[in-house]
Amino acid sequence: MYSIELEISAPTAMWARPDTGDSPVSYAAPTYAAAKGILESILWLQSVNVAPVRVEICRPLVFQNYTTNYGGPLRKSKSINKGAGYQLLVTVLTDVCYRIYADLYPQNHGQFSNKALAQLQRSTNSTHAYKDMFNRRLKRGQCFSMPCMGWKEFVPDYVGVLREENGPCADINLELPSMLHQTFSKGLHSEYSPTYRQNVKIVKGVLNYVE
């Protein structure tokens, strides 16, 4: 078993709760899918499955109102015809910091590209190779794509190795009746099929994705 971890912080984050409707409120921590996306933004390989196991909330929770203009396809047809935007009111988190931990598993389904097959032929242990590459890229500040804090416009101010001065906030204890877990169960190789976890607990600033 091989594992990886990183620390990420940002001025703003938005982990939207589907149960909060058209004025969404952020979860206190990233969902499993969001955590997976952050890790894979550093390094993504077809041959390895990155499975987040837990996240630590390293700063007090501060919620703040945020307003933006939405111009996407979910607007009313009248607004689309007029070229008008929709003013979206949301509740985001500010001044956030997380530590994300994940286990690595060989990917055993899907059709691999020629590049992925070449990578497999160069290594007898794809998960060990991924861990080494991930850690090198993390220390150098390299990434496969720009990490984001839920929404693309919310970019981090730090992504890197764990810093000694940070740790989980022991006074954060929450319980969520339901939390979005994953939107696409097999990533690129699956259809839209959201799954949820019930009675999710954050204990002393720690959220476990796998019970």
C-alpha atoms as a PDB file:
ATOM      1  CA  MET A   1       0.000   0.000   0.000  1.00  0.00           C
ATOM      2  CA  TYR A   2       1.302   3.421  -0.969  1.00  0.00           C
ATOM      3  CA  SER A   3      -0.166   6.750   0.143  1.00  0.00           C
ATOM      4  CA  ILE A   4       0.265  10.454  -0.570  1.00  0.00           C
ATOM      5  CA  GLU A   5      -0.646  13.698   1.181  1.00  0.00           C
ATOM      6  CA  LEU A   6      -0.584  17.416   0.590  1.00  0.00           C
ATOM      7  CA  GLU A   7      -1.520  20.669   2.272  1.00  0.00           C
ATOM      8  CA  ILE A   8      -3.549  23.320   0.493  1.00  0.00           C
ATOM      9  CA  SER A   9      -4.761  26.754   1.583  1.00  0.00           C
ATOM     10  CA  ALA A  10      -6.677  29.567  -0.092  1.00  0.00           C
ATOM     11  CA  PRO A  11      -8.480  32.846   0.580  1.00  0.00           C
ATOM     12  CA  THR A  12     -11.812  31.333  -0.544  1.00  0.00           C
ATOM     13  CA  ALA A  13     -13.359  27.893  -1.048  1.00  0.00           C
ATOM     14  CA  MET A  14     -16.755  26.616  -2.166  1.00  0.00           C
ATOM     15  CA  TRP A  15     -17.710  22.963  -1.649  1.00  0.00           C
ATOM     16  CA  ALA A  16     -21.339  23.350  -2.686  1.00  0.00           C
ATOM     17  CA  ARG A  17     -24.027  21.402  -0.830  1.00  0.00           C
ATOM     18  CA  PRO A  18     -26.666  20.163  -3.336  1.00  0.00           C
ATOM     19  CA  ASP A  19     -29.310  20.217  -0.589  1.00  0.00           C
ATOM     20  CA  THR A  20     -29.049  24.016  -0.227  1.00  0.00           C
ATOM     21  CA  GLY A  21     -30.763  24.750  -3.551  1.00  0.00           C
ATOM     22  CA  ASP A  22     -30.191  27.741  -5.826  1.00  0.00           C
ATOM     23  CA  SER A  23     -28.357  29.719  -3.115  1.00  0.00           C
ATOM     24  CA  PRO A  24     -25.813  27.042  -2.233  1.00  0.00           C
ATOM     25  CA  VAL A  25     -23.858  26.887   1.004  1.00  0.00           C
ATOM     26  CA  SER A  26     -20.407  25.344   1.249  1.00  0.00           C
ATOM     27  CA  TYR A  27     -19.607  22.161   3.144  1.00  0.00           C
ATOM     28  CA  ALA A  28     -16.991  22.623   5.864  1.00  0.00           C
ATOM     29  CA  ALA A  29     -14.546  20.406   3.953  1.00  0.00           C
ATOM     30  CA  PRO A  30     -14.089  19.180   0.379  1.00  0.00           C
ATOM     31  CA  THR A  31     -16.094  16.191  -0.754  1.00  0.00           C
ATOM     32  CA  TYR A  32     -14.346  12.938  -1.682  1.00  0.00           C
ATOM     33  CA  ALA A  33     -14.579  13.864  -5.369  1.00  0.00           C
ATOM     34  CA  ALA A  34     -13.189  17.373  -4.753  1.00  0.00           C
ATOM     35  CA  ALA A  35     -10.280  16.003  -2.713  1.00  0.00           C
ATOM     36  CA  LYS A  36      -9.546  13.477  -5.456  1.00  0.00           C
ATOM     37  CA  GLY A  37      -9.608  16.273  -8.048  1.00  0.00           C
ATOM     38  CA  ILE A  38      -7.112  18.367  -6.043  1.00  0.00           C
ATOM     39  CA  LEU A  39      -4.680  15.448  -5.734  1.00  0.00           C
ATOM     40  CA  GLU A  40      -4.999  14.479  -9.392  1.00  0.00           C
ATOM     41  CA  SER A  41      -4.410  18.095 -10.431  1.00  0.00           C
ATOM     42  CA  ILE A  42      -0.822  17.571  -9.249  1.00  0.00           C
ATOM     43  CA  LEU A  43      -0.404  14.292 -11.122  1.00  0.00           C
ATOM     44  CA  TRP A  44      -2.914  12.260 -13.114  1.00  0.00           C
ATOM     45  CA  LEU A  45      -2.093   8.826 -14.514  1.00  0.00           C
ATOM     46  CA  GLN A  46      -4.541   6.434 -16.146  1.00  0.00           C
ATOM     47  CA  SER A  47      -2.789   3.492 -14.524  1.00  0.00           C
ATOM     48  CA  VAL A  48      -3.361   4.590 -10.893  1.00  0.00           C
ATOM     49  CA  ASN A  49      -6.523   5.207  -8.862  1.00  0.00           C
ATOM     50  CA  VAL A  50      -6.139   7.934  -6.219  1.00  0.00           C
ATOM     51  CA  ALA A  51      -8.523   7.235  -3.321  1.00  0.00           C
ATOM     52  CA  PRO A  52      -8.793   9.971  -0.632  1.00  0.00           C
ATOM     53  CA  VAL A  53      -9.099   8.558   2.888  1.00  0.00           C
ATOM     54  CA  ARG A  54      -9.363  11.673   5.070  1.00  0.00           C
ATOM     55  CA  VAL A  55      -9.055  15.442   5.230  1.00  0.00           C
ATOM     56  CA  GLU A  56      -8.009  17.637   8.153  1.00  0.00           C
ATOM     57  CA  ILE A  57      -9.479  21.124   8.625  1.00  0.00           C
ATOM     58  CA  CYS A  58      -6.537  23.231   9.792  1.00  0.00           C
ATOM     59  CA  ARG A  59      -8.182  26.644  10.300  1.00  0.00           C
ATOM     60  CA  PRO A  60     -11.401  27.808  12.013  1.00  0.00           C
ATOM     61  CA  LEU A  61     -14.497  27.805   9.820  1.00  0.00           C
ATOM     62  CA  VAL A  62     -15.450  31.289   8.573  1.00  0.00           C
ATOM     63  CA  PHE A  63     -18.523  31.508   6.313  1.00  0.00           C
ATOM     64  CA  GLN A  64     -19.137  34.597   4.171  1.00  0.00           C
ATOM     65  CA  ASN A  65     -21.731  35.753   1.642  1.00  0.00           C
ATOM     66  CA  TYR A  66     -20.523  35.859  -1.960  1.00  0.00           C
ATOM     67  CA  THR A  67     -22.273  37.166  -5.075  1.00  0.00           C
ATOM     68  CA  THR A  68     -21.374  36.396  -8.679  1.00  0.00           C
ATOM     69  CA  ASN A  69     -23.026  36.656 -12.103  1.00  0.00           C
ATOM     70  CA  TYR A  70     -23.843  33.296 -13.670  1.00  0.00           C
ATOM     71  CA  GLY A  71     -23.957  33.105 -17.477  1.00  0.00           C
ATOM     72  CA  GLY A  72     -24.302  29.359 -18.045  1.00  0.00           C
ATOM     73  CA  PRO A  73     -26.964  27.134 -19.647  1.00  0.00           C
ATOM     74  CA  LEU A  74     -29.063  26.745 -16.470  1.00  0.00           C
ATOM     75  CA  ARG A  75     -30.459  30.273 -16.798  1.00  0.00           C
ATOM     76  CA  LYS A  76     -34.082  30.798 -17.793  1.00  0.00           C
ATOM     77  CA  SER A  77     -34.620  30.818 -21.575  1.00  0.00           C
ATOM     78  CA  LYS A  78     -35.757  34.437 -21.397  1.00  0.00           C
ATOM     79  CA  SER A  79     -32.443  35.449 -19.803  1.00  0.00           C
ATOM     80  CA  ILE A  80     -30.471  33.437 -22.343  1.00  0.00           C
ATOM     81  CA  ASN A  81     -32.292  35.098 -25.256  1.00  0.00           C
ATOM     82  CA  LYS A  82     -31.585  38.526 -23.819  1.00  0.00           C
ATOM     83  CA  GLY A  83     -27.969  37.665 -23.099  1.00  0.00           C
ATOM     84  CA  ALA A  84     -28.565  38.530 -19.450  1.00  0.00           C
ATOM     85  CA  GLY A  85     -26.764  36.943 -16.517  1.00  0.00           C
ATOM     86  CA  TYR A  86     -28.178  35.519 -13.330  1.00  0.00           C
ATOM     87  CA  GLN A  87     -27.038  36.937 -10.016  1.00  0.00           C
ATOM     88  CA  LEU A  88     -26.024  33.971  -7.874  1.00  0.00           C
ATOM     89  CA  LEU A  89     -25.928  34.379  -4.099  1.00  0.00           C
ATOM     90  CA  VAL A  90     -23.839  31.775  -2.254  1.00  0.00           C
ATOM     91  CA  THR A  91     -22.172  31.206   1.099  1.00  0.00           C
ATOM     92  CA  VAL A  92     -18.469  30.409   0.834  1.00  0.00           C
ATOM     93  CA  LEU A  93     -15.637  29.665   3.243  1.00  0.00           C
ATOM     94  CA  THR A  94     -12.789  32.131   3.706  1.00  0.00           C
ATOM     95  CA  ASP A  95      -9.180  31.698   4.850  1.00  0.00           C
ATOM     96  CA  VAL A  96      -9.150  27.910   4.566  1.00  0.00           C
ATOM     97  CA  CYS A  97      -6.408  25.327   4.989  1.00  0.00           C
ATOM     98  CA  TYR A  98      -6.672  21.556   4.566  1.00  0.00           C
ATOM     99  CA  ARG A  99      -4.468  18.499   4.703  1.00  0.00           C
ATOM    100  CA  ILE A 100      -5.593  15.751   2.314  1.00  0.00           C
ATOM    101  CA  TYR A 101      -4.486  12.102   2.542  1.00  0.00           C
ATOM    102  CA  ALA A 102      -5.063   9.353  -0.023  1.00  0.00           C
ATOM    103  CA  ASP A 103      -4.191   5.730  -0.805  1.00  0.00           C
ATOM    104  CA  LEU A 104      -3.025   4.570  -4.218  1.00  0.00           C
ATOM    105  CA  TYR A 105      -4.313   1.527  -6.111  1.00  0.00           C
ATOM    106  CA  PRO A 106      -3.528   0.134  -9.579  1.00  0.00           C
ATOM    107  CA  GLN A 107      -6.251   1.027 -12.058  1.00  0.00           C
ATOM    108  CA  ASN A 108      -7.782  -2.186 -13.347  1.00  0.00           C
ATOM    109  CA  HIS A 109     -10.518  -0.972 -15.686  1.00  0.00           C
ATOM    110  CA  GLY A 110     -10.847   1.275 -18.704  1.00  0.00           C
ATOM    111  CA  GLN A 111      -8.937   1.487 -21.956  1.00  0.00           C
ATOM    112  CA  PHE A 112      -5.394   2.814 -21.513  1.00  0.00           C
ATOM    113  CA  SER A 113      -3.786   5.220 -23.955  1.00  0.00           C
ATOM    114  CA  ASN A 114      -0.470   4.408 -25.632  1.00  0.00           C
ATOM    115  CA  LYS A 115       1.241   6.825 -23.229  1.00  0.00           C
ATOM    116  CA  ALA A 116      -0.262   5.042 -20.211  1.00  0.00           C
ATOM    117  CA  LEU A 117       0.775   1.638 -21.587  1.00  0.00           C
ATOM    118  CA  ALA A 118       4.326   2.933 -22.089  1.00  0.00           C
ATOM    119  CA  GLN A 119       4.366   4.180 -18.488  1.00  0.00           C
ATOM    120  CA  LEU A 120       3.263   0.743 -17.258  1.00  0.00           C
ATOM    121  CA  GLN A 121       6.023  -0.954 -19.243  1.00  0.00           C
ATOM    122  CA  ARG A 122       8.663   1.325 -17.693  1.00  0.00           C
ATOM    123  CA  SER A 123       7.645   0.419 -14.142  1.00  0.00           C
ATOM    124  CA  THR A 124       6.839  -2.829 -12.342  1.00  0.00           C
ATOM    125  CA  ASN A 125       4.964  -0.955  -9.575  1.00  0.00           C
ATOM    126  CA  SER A 126       2.707   1.796 -10.889  1.00  0.00           C
ATOM    127  CA  THR A 127       1.590   3.026  -7.436  1.00  0.00           C
ATOM    128  CA  HIS A 128       5.170   3.389  -6.165  1.00  0.00           C
ATOM    129  CA  ALA A 129       6.109   5.252  -9.347  1.00  0.00           C
ATOM    130  CA  TYR A 130       3.088   7.537  -8.909  1.00  0.00           C
ATOM    131  CA  LYS A 131       4.053   8.339  -5.302  1.00  0.00           C
ATOM    132  CA  ASP A 132       7.617   9.290  -6.300  1.00  0.00           C
ATOM    133  CA  MET A 133       6.453  11.423  -9.228  1.00  0.00           C
ATOM    134  CA  PHE A 134       3.746  13.074  -7.115  1.00  0.00           C
ATOM    135  CA  ASN A 135       6.161  14.038  -4.341  1.00  0.00           C
ATOM    136  CA  ARG A 136       8.714  15.428  -6.810  1.00  0.00           C
ATOM    137  CA  ARG A 137       6.095  17.557  -8.541  1.00  0.00           C
ATOM    138  CA  LEU A 138       4.672  18.757  -5.218  1.00  0.00           C
ATOM    139  CA  LYS A 139       8.086  19.937  -3.993  1.00  0.00           C
ATOM    140  CA  ARG A 140       8.839  21.653  -7.322  1.00  0.00           C
ATOM    141  CA  GLY A 141       5.459  23.390  -7.516  1.00  0.00           C
ATOM    142  CA  GLN A 142       4.488  21.553 -10.710  1.00  0.00           C
ATOM    143  CA  CYS A 143       0.951  20.454 -11.544  1.00  0.00           C
ATOM    144  CA  PHE A 144      -1.029  18.657 -14.226  1.00  0.00           C
ATOM    145  CA  SER A 145      -3.743  21.343 -14.042  1.00  0.00           C
ATOM    146  CA  MET A 146      -4.392  24.308 -11.744  1.00  0.00           C
ATOM    147  CA  PRO A 147      -5.845  23.080  -8.420  1.00  0.00           C
ATOM    148  CA  CYS A 148      -9.015  24.858  -7.352  1.00  0.00           C
ATOM    149  CA  MET A 149     -11.051  25.101  -4.172  1.00  0.00           C
ATOM    150  CA  GLY A 150     -14.348  23.819  -5.539  1.00  0.00           C
ATOM    151  CA  TRP A 151     -14.915  26.605  -8.076  1.00  0.00           C
ATOM    152  CA  LYS A 152     -12.295  27.317 -10.744  1.00  0.00           C
ATOM    153  CA  GLU A 153     -12.000  30.985  -9.756  1.00  0.00           C
ATOM    154  CA  PHE A 154     -10.994  30.040  -6.202  1.00  0.00           C
ATOM    155  CA  VAL A 155      -7.306  29.234  -6.588  1.00  0.00           C
ATOM    156  CA  PRO A 156      -4.992  28.293  -3.707  1.00  0.00           C
ATOM    157  CA  ASP A 157      -2.241  30.460  -2.250  1.00  0.00           C
ATOM    158  CA  TYR A 158      -0.294  27.380  -1.112  1.00  0.00           C
ATOM    159  CA  VAL A 159      -0.078  23.822  -2.407  1.00  0.00           C
ATOM    160  CA  GLY A 160       2.750  21.692  -1.089  1.00  0.00           C
ATOM    161  CA  VAL A 161       4.124  19.415   1.574  1.00  0.00           C
ATOM    162  CA  LEU A 162       2.661  19.404   5.078  1.00  0.00           C
ATOM    163  CA  ARG A 163       3.793  22.366   7.202  1.00  0.00           C
ATOM    164  CA  GLU A 164       4.730  21.699  10.815  1.00  0.00           C
ATOM    165  CA  GLU A 165       2.868  24.712  12.188  1.00  0.00           C
ATOM    166  CA  ASN A 166      -0.516  23.456  10.966  1.00  0.00           C
ATOM    167  CA  GLY A 167      -2.790  20.682  12.197  1.00  0.00           C
ATOM    168  CA  PRO A 168      -6.475  19.810  12.581  1.00  0.00           C
ATOM    169  CA  CYS A 169      -8.645  22.219  14.598  1.00  0.00           C
ATOM    170  CA  ALA A 170      -9.712  20.098  17.574  1.00  0.00           C
ATOM    171  CA  ASP A 171     -12.747  22.280  18.340  1.00  0.00           C
ATOM    172  CA  ILE A 172     -14.474  21.571  14.987  1.00  0.00           C
ATOM    173  CA  ASN A 173     -17.086  18.858  15.565  1.00  0.00           C
ATOM    174  CA  LEU A 174     -19.979  18.570  13.116  1.00  0.00           C
ATOM    175  CA  GLU A 175     -22.453  15.989  11.861  1.00  0.00           C
ATOM    176  CA  LEU A 176     -24.048  16.157   8.406  1.00  0.00           C
ATOM    177  CA  PRO A 177     -27.243  14.158   7.696  1.00  0.00           C
ATOM    178  CA  SER A 178     -26.075  13.691   4.100  1.00  0.00           C
ATOM    179  CA  MET A 179     -22.935  14.600   2.139  1.00  0.00           C
ATOM    180  CA  LEU A 180     -22.170  14.291  -1.562  1.00  0.00           C
ATOM    181  CA  HIS A 181     -19.448  11.662  -1.975  1.00  0.00           C
ATOM    182  CA  GLN A 182     -18.694  11.165  -5.650  1.00  0.00           C
ATOM    183  CA  THR A 183     -20.275  12.319  -8.901  1.00  0.00           C
ATOM    184  CA  PHE A 184     -18.639   9.923 -11.378  1.00  0.00           C
ATOM    185  CA  SER A 185     -17.893   6.558  -9.749  1.00  0.00           C
ATOM    186  CA  LYS A 186     -15.181   5.589 -12.258  1.00  0.00           C
ATOM    187  CA  GLY A 187     -13.971   8.991 -13.388  1.00  0.00           C
ATOM    188  CA  LEU A 188     -13.695   9.305 -17.152  1.00  0.00           C
ATOM    189  CA  HIS A 189     -15.054   5.784 -17.606  1.00  0.00           C
ATOM    190  CA  SER A 190     -18.487   6.289 -16.059  1.00  0.00           C
ATOM    191  CA  GLU A 191     -21.739   8.151 -16.511  1.00  0.00           C
ATOM    192  CA  TYR A 192     -23.091  10.837 -14.177  1.00  0.00           C
ATOM    193  CA  SER A 193     -24.216   8.929 -11.086  1.00  0.00           C
ATOM    194  CA  PRO A 194     -23.870  10.910  -7.832  1.00  0.00           C
ATOM    195  CA  THR A 195     -23.569   9.007  -4.561  1.00  0.00           C
ATOM    196  CA  TYR A 196     -24.065  10.289  -1.020  1.00  0.00           C
ATOM    197  CA  ARG A 197     -22.975   9.302   2.488  1.00  0.00           C
ATOM    198  CA  GLN A 198     -25.330   9.629   5.444  1.00  0.00           C
ATOM    199  CA  ASN A 199     -24.613  10.824   8.987  1.00  0.00           C
ATOM    200  CA  VAL A 200     -21.126  12.067   8.150  1.00  0.00           C
ATOM    201  CA  LYS A 201     -19.132  13.214  11.186  1.00  0.00           C
ATOM    202  CA  ILE A 202     -16.277  15.677  11.451  1.00  0.00           C
ATOM    203  CA  VAL A 203     -14.523  14.905  14.732  1.00  0.00           C
ATOM    204  CA  LYS A 204     -11.836  17.208  16.109  1.00  0.00           C
ATOM    205  CA  GLY A 205     -11.331  18.726  12.675  1.00  0.00           C
ATOM    206  CA  VAL A 206     -10.981  15.402  10.852  1.00  0.00           C
ATOM    207  CA  LEU A 207     -13.346  14.031   8.179  1.00  0.00           C
ATOM    208  CA  ASN A 208     -12.842  10.378   7.194  1.00  0.00           C
ATOM    209  CA  TYR A 209     -14.003   9.538   3.678  1.00  0.00           C
ATOM    210  CA  VAL A 210     -13.889   5.804   4.405  1.00  0.00           C
ATOM    211  CA  GLU A 211     -15.428   4.483   7.619  1.00  0.00           C
END
